[in-house]
Protein backbone atom coordinates (compact mmCIF):
# COMPACT_ATOMS: atom_id res chain seq x y z
CA MET A 1 20.49 -7.87 7.52
CA ASP A 2 19.75 -5.59 10.46
CA LEU A 3 17.52 -2.82 9.14
CA LYS A 4 17.96 -0.79 12.35
CA ILE A 5 14.26 -0.11 12.89
CA GLN A 6 13.76 -1.99 16.16
CA ASN A 7 11.40 -0.14 18.49
CA LYS A 8 10.21 2.27 15.82
CA THR A 9 6.43 2.76 15.63
CA ALA A 10 4.62 2.21 12.35
CA PHE A 11 1.06 2.76 11.19
CA VAL A 12 -0.11 0.76 8.17
CA SER A 13 -3.49 1.70 6.73
CA GLY A 14 -5.61 -1.02 5.16
CA SER A 15 -3.62 -3.80 6.77
CA THR A 16 -5.93 -6.58 7.94
CA ALA A 17 -5.29 -8.51 4.73
CA GLY A 18 -3.26 -8.55 1.51
CA ILE A 19 -0.25 -6.30 0.95
CA GLY A 20 -0.90 -4.25 4.08
CA PHE A 21 -1.01 -7.34 6.29
CA ALA A 22 2.22 -8.62 4.73
CA ILE A 23 3.90 -5.26 5.39
CA ALA A 24 2.76 -5.29 9.02
CA HIS A 25 4.08 -8.86 9.38
CA GLN A 26 7.48 -7.96 7.91
CA LEU A 27 7.84 -4.86 10.07
CA LEU A 28 7.00 -6.89 13.18
CA LEU A 29 9.73 -9.37 12.27
CA GLU A 30 12.14 -6.43 12.32
CA GLY A 31 11.10 -5.45 15.84
CA VAL A 32 8.85 -2.55 14.89
CA LYS A 33 5.79 -1.68 16.98
CA VAL A 34 2.95 -1.84 14.47
CA ILE A 35 -0.52 -0.33 14.48
CA ILE A 36 -2.74 -1.91 11.85
CA ASN A 37 -6.00 -0.67 10.42
CA GLY A 38 -9.19 -2.15 9.03
CA ARG A 39 -12.76 -1.07 8.60
CA THR A 40 -14.14 -3.07 11.53
CA ASP A 41 -13.05 -4.09 15.02
CA LYS A 42 -13.78 -7.69 14.06
CA SER A 43 -11.28 -7.68 11.16
CA ILE A 44 -8.64 -6.01 13.35
CA THR A 45 -9.07 -8.50 16.18
CA ALA A 46 -8.63 -11.40 13.77
CA ALA A 47 -5.57 -9.84 12.10
CA VAL A 48 -3.90 -8.96 15.42
CA LYS A 49 -4.43 -12.51 16.64
CA GLU A 50 -2.90 -13.95 13.48
CA LEU A 51 0.10 -11.60 13.57
CA LYS A 52 0.83 -12.52 17.18
CA LEU A 53 0.82 -16.18 16.17
CA LEU A 54 3.18 -15.46 13.29
CA VAL A 55 5.61 -13.29 15.26
CA LYS A 56 6.43 -14.25 18.84
CA GLY A 57 6.31 -11.25 21.13
CA ALA A 58 4.85 -9.00 18.43
CA ASP A 59 3.88 -5.53 19.64
CA VAL A 60 0.82 -5.04 17.46
CA SER A 61 -2.48 -3.28 17.94
CA GLY A 62 -5.14 -1.83 15.67
CA ILE A 63 -7.52 1.06 15.10
CA ALA A 64 -10.69 0.64 13.06
CA ALA A 65 -11.65 3.28 10.50
CA ASP A 66 -13.29 3.35 7.10
CA PHE A 67 -11.24 5.70 4.95
CA GLY A 68 -14.33 6.55 2.96
CA LYS A 69 -15.76 8.30 6.05
CA VAL A 70 -14.03 11.50 7.13
CA GLU A 71 -15.35 11.40 10.69
CA GLU A 72 -13.87 7.94 11.23
CA VAL A 73 -10.52 9.03 9.80
CA ASN A 74 -10.42 12.07 12.09
CA ALA A 75 -11.21 9.85 15.08
CA LEU A 76 -8.40 7.47 14.08
CA ILE A 77 -5.91 10.33 13.77
CA GLU A 78 -6.76 11.49 17.28
CA LYS A 79 -5.88 8.03 18.63
CA LEU A 80 -2.49 7.75 16.91
CA PRO A 81 0.68 7.98 19.02
CA GLU A 82 3.91 9.41 17.60
CA ILE A 83 4.54 7.60 14.31
CA ASP A 84 8.00 6.97 12.85
CA ILE A 85 6.90 5.02 9.78
CA LEU A 86 3.68 5.72 7.88
CA ILE A 87 2.57 3.28 5.21
CA ASN A 88 -0.30 4.69 3.15
CA ASN A 89 -1.74 1.44 1.83
CA ALA A 90 -5.53 1.81 2.11
CA GLY A 91 -7.18 1.56 -1.27
CA ILE A 92 -9.88 0.06 -3.43
CA PHE A 93 -10.03 -1.14 -7.04
CA GLU A 94 -12.73 -2.32 -9.39
CA PRO A 95 -12.60 -3.15 -13.10
CA LYS A 96 -15.29 -1.15 -14.93
CA PRO A 97 -15.63 0.18 -18.50
CA PHE A 98 -14.82 3.89 -18.65
CA GLU A 99 -18.22 4.92 -19.98
CA GLU A 100 -19.92 3.14 -17.08
CA ILE A 101 -17.99 4.87 -14.29
CA PRO A 102 -20.30 7.47 -12.70
CA ASP A 103 -19.12 10.66 -11.01
CA GLU A 104 -19.78 9.06 -7.63
CA ASP A 105 -17.23 6.32 -8.32
CA TRP A 106 -14.55 8.78 -9.38
CA LEU A 107 -15.06 10.73 -6.17
CA ARG A 108 -15.22 7.59 -4.01
CA PHE A 109 -11.96 6.25 -5.43
CA PHE A 110 -10.26 9.62 -4.90
CA GLU A 111 -11.61 9.88 -1.35
CA ILE A 112 -10.32 6.48 -0.28
CA ASN A 113 -7.19 6.00 -2.38
CA VAL A 114 -5.84 9.54 -2.34
CA MET A 115 -7.34 11.47 0.56
CA SER A 116 -6.50 8.67 3.01
CA GLY A 117 -2.78 9.30 2.52
CA ILE A 118 -3.20 13.06 2.44
CA ARG A 119 -5.04 13.17 5.76
CA LEU A 120 -2.62 10.87 7.55
CA SER A 121 0.45 12.60 6.12
CA ARG A 122 -0.88 16.05 6.95
CA HIS A 123 -1.03 15.00 10.59
CA ILE A 124 2.17 12.94 10.82
CA PHE A 125 4.62 14.62 8.40
CA PRO A 126 5.13 17.86 10.39
CA LYS A 127 5.94 15.87 13.53
CA MET A 128 8.51 13.83 11.60
CA LEU A 129 10.16 17.05 10.45
CA GLN A 130 10.28 18.32 14.04
CA LYS A 131 12.17 15.23 15.24
CA ASN A 132 14.23 15.10 12.01
CA TRP A 133 13.44 11.47 11.18
CA GLY A 134 10.61 9.60 9.58
CA ARG A 135 9.48 7.46 6.68
CA ILE A 136 6.33 7.92 4.63
CA ILE A 137 5.61 5.39 1.90
CA PHE A 138 2.68 5.49 -0.47
CA ILE A 139 1.65 2.12 -1.88
CA SER A 140 0.87 3.25 -5.41
CA SER A 141 0.88 0.84 -8.38
CA GLU A 142 2.36 0.26 -11.79
CA SER A 143 -1.13 1.39 -12.85
CA ALA A 144 0.05 4.91 -12.01
CA VAL A 145 2.23 4.95 -15.13
CA PHE A 146 0.68 2.08 -17.13
CA ILE A 147 -2.96 3.12 -16.83
CA PRO A 148 -5.17 0.03 -17.15
CA GLU A 149 -7.93 0.51 -19.68
CA GLU A 150 -10.26 -1.63 -17.57
CA MET A 151 -10.04 0.66 -14.51
CA ILE A 152 -8.96 4.15 -15.48
CA HIS A 153 -10.39 5.66 -12.31
CA TYR A 154 -8.08 3.45 -10.24
CA GLY A 155 -5.05 4.43 -12.34
CA MET A 156 -5.91 8.10 -11.86
CA THR A 157 -5.71 7.75 -8.08
CA LYS A 158 -2.39 5.91 -8.23
CA THR A 159 -0.89 8.68 -10.39
CA ALA A 160 -2.15 11.26 -7.90
CA GLN A 161 -0.29 9.43 -5.14
CA LEU A 162 2.99 9.86 -7.02
CA ALA A 163 2.46 13.62 -7.22
CA ILE A 164 1.68 13.90 -3.52
CA SER A 165 4.62 11.72 -2.53
CA ARG A 166 7.07 13.72 -4.63
CA GLY A 167 5.67 17.02 -3.35
CA LEU A 168 6.06 15.96 0.27
CA ALA A 169 9.60 14.80 -0.44
CA GLU A 170 10.41 18.30 -1.68
CA LEU A 171 9.29 19.62 1.70
CA SER A 172 11.66 17.23 3.49
CA LYS A 173 14.78 18.73 1.91
CA GLY A 174 17.80 18.68 4.23
CA THR A 175 16.13 16.52 6.88
CA GLY A 176 16.18 12.88 7.96
CA VAL A 177 12.66 12.38 6.64
CA THR A 178 12.04 10.57 3.35
CA VAL A 179 8.86 10.16 1.31
CA ASN A 180 8.69 7.56 -1.43
CA SER A 181 6.18 5.57 -3.44
CA ILE A 182 6.23 1.85 -4.10
CA LEU A 183 4.68 0.67 -7.38
CA PRO A 184 3.65 -2.97 -7.14
CA GLY A 185 2.73 -4.85 -10.27
CA PRO A 186 -0.20 -7.27 -10.41
CA THR A 187 -0.12 -8.92 -7.01
CA LYS A 188 -2.06 -11.91 -5.70
CA SER A 189 -3.59 -10.13 -2.75
CA LYS A 190 -6.88 -11.24 -1.20
CA GLY A 191 -8.94 -9.03 -3.49
CA VAL A 192 -7.10 -9.96 -6.68
CA GLY A 193 -7.15 -13.63 -5.72
CA GLY A 194 -10.92 -13.52 -5.41
CA PHE A 195 -11.20 -11.71 -8.73
CA ILE A 196 -9.09 -14.36 -10.47
CA GLU A 197 -11.12 -17.17 -8.88
CA ASP A 198 -14.32 -15.57 -10.14
CA LEU A 199 -12.90 -15.34 -13.66
CA ALA A 200 -11.86 -18.98 -13.47
CA LYS A 201 -15.35 -20.11 -12.44
CA ALA A 202 -17.02 -17.95 -15.08
CA GLY A 203 -14.79 -19.34 -17.83
CA ASN A 204 -14.70 -22.92 -16.53
CA LEU A 205 -10.93 -22.65 -16.22
CA THR A 206 -8.37 -23.33 -13.52
CA VAL A 207 -6.81 -20.42 -11.61
CA ALA A 208 -3.46 -21.26 -13.24
CA GLU A 209 -5.01 -21.05 -16.71
CA VAL A 210 -6.55 -17.67 -15.92
CA GLU A 211 -3.17 -16.41 -14.70
CA VAL A 212 -1.45 -17.51 -17.91
CA ASP A 213 -4.17 -15.87 -20.00
CA PHE A 214 -4.03 -12.65 -17.94
CA PHE A 215 -0.32 -12.15 -18.61
CA LYS A 216 -0.55 -13.26 -22.20
CA ASN A 217 -3.38 -10.94 -23.18
CA MET A 218 -3.68 -8.17 -20.56
CA ARG A 219 -0.13 -7.68 -19.23
CA PRO A 220 2.11 -9.15 -21.97
CA SER A 221 5.03 -6.84 -21.12
CA SER A 222 5.52 -8.47 -17.70
CA LEU A 223 8.91 -10.16 -17.50
CA LEU A 224 7.86 -12.37 -14.58
CA GLN A 225 4.68 -13.55 -16.32
CA ARG A 226 3.10 -14.29 -12.96
CA PHE A 227 1.42 -12.48 -10.09
CA LEU A 228 3.74 -11.13 -7.42
CA ALA A 229 3.37 -12.44 -3.89
CA VAL A 230 2.41 -9.93 -1.19
CA GLU A 231 5.63 -10.87 0.63
CA GLU A 232 7.68 -9.59 -2.31
CA ILE A 233 6.07 -6.17 -1.99
CA ALA A 234 6.41 -6.17 1.81
CA ALA A 235 10.14 -6.90 1.68
CA THR A 236 10.76 -3.83 -0.50
CA VAL A 237 8.55 -1.60 1.63
CA THR A 238 10.32 -2.69 4.81
CA TYR A 239 13.75 -1.87 3.39
CA TYR A 240 12.67 1.63 2.32
CA SER A 241 11.19 2.14 5.80
CA SER A 242 14.65 1.79 7.31
CA PRO A 243 17.65 4.08 7.88
CA LEU A 244 19.55 1.97 5.36
CA ALA A 245 17.44 3.56 2.62
CA SER A 246 18.26 7.14 3.66
CA GLY A 247 19.70 7.92 0.21
CA THR A 248 16.36 7.39 -1.53
CA ASN A 249 13.85 10.23 -1.33
CA GLY A 250 11.10 11.40 -3.68
CA ALA A 251 11.37 8.20 -5.68
CA ALA A 252 8.81 5.96 -7.35
CA ILE A 253 10.20 2.46 -6.82
CA ARG A 254 8.80 -0.24 -9.08
CA VAL A 255 8.19 -3.78 -7.85
CA ASP A 256 6.25 -4.65 -10.97
CA GLY A 257 7.99 -7.74 -12.33
CA GLY A 258 9.39 -5.71 -15.22
CA LEU A 259 5.94 -4.86 -16.56
CA VAL A 260 6.62 -1.19 -17.30
CA ARG A 261 8.96 -0.88 -20.28
CA SER A 262 11.14 1.93 -19.04
CA VAL A 263 14.72 2.12 -17.81
CA ILE A 264 13.93 4.97 -15.39
C-alpha cells in the first residue's frame, strides 16, 4: 500500500531504540525524511548507522537532547526544519509502589513524558496549520486508561497526553492537520525487555516463563497474552501519519492486544 508520505519530513523523539526506532525505520521505508532523537550524540550516531543499513538510501539524521533538560529541548527546537509529521514518543517508566514515589519523581515523569510533547507541539503545530497539513501523534499507552497499580505516576502522564492530544485536535478543526494518540499495550521494547530479563534472573525463571506469568497475573485481560513487538506499534503509527488516515482526528487508537475491556 502506498501511504503517500514520500518526501515528507518527520521528527521522532526518543527514537534511538525501542518503539521510536521502529517508527523511524517504518517511516524511512515509506520514503520519509526522518530526524531521530536521543540523549547523546553517541546513541544517535549508532542509530543512524543502523537505520542506513536497514533502509538503502535512507534520508536520516539526528539531534541529541535530553527531554528532562529545558535548555537542551529549546536548542533542539531551534535546529528543527519544517516538520510534516511529529511523533511525540520520548518517555520514561519505572515500577514503584505509590507510597514510595517522591514529589521529585512525579515532576520528573511529567517533565519528560508530558512536557516533551507540549514543547515540540507548541513550536510545530502552528506551522502545520499555516500550511494546512500535518500529523501529530502522541505515543501514549493503555496505561492511560488502565492505570497500572505498580506505576501510577507513569499512568498519570499517559492520561495527560490524551487530554493534550484531544485539545490540539479541537484546534485543528476544518484543516488538513490531525492530532491523535496511539495507545500501545505491553510491548517488548528495549527497556521492557531488560526489565523482564531482570525478573527472570531474580526468580530463576526463563524469559518465556516470566512472560506467561506476567499476562496471567498482572495483565489477565489481554487477548493476545503476549508482549507486542515494536514493529506492530510502528505499523499503526505510520498509517496514521499518512494522508490515508485523514478521517481520523482527536482519537485515542489502541494497539493493546485487546487488554482494555471496552468497545470504544
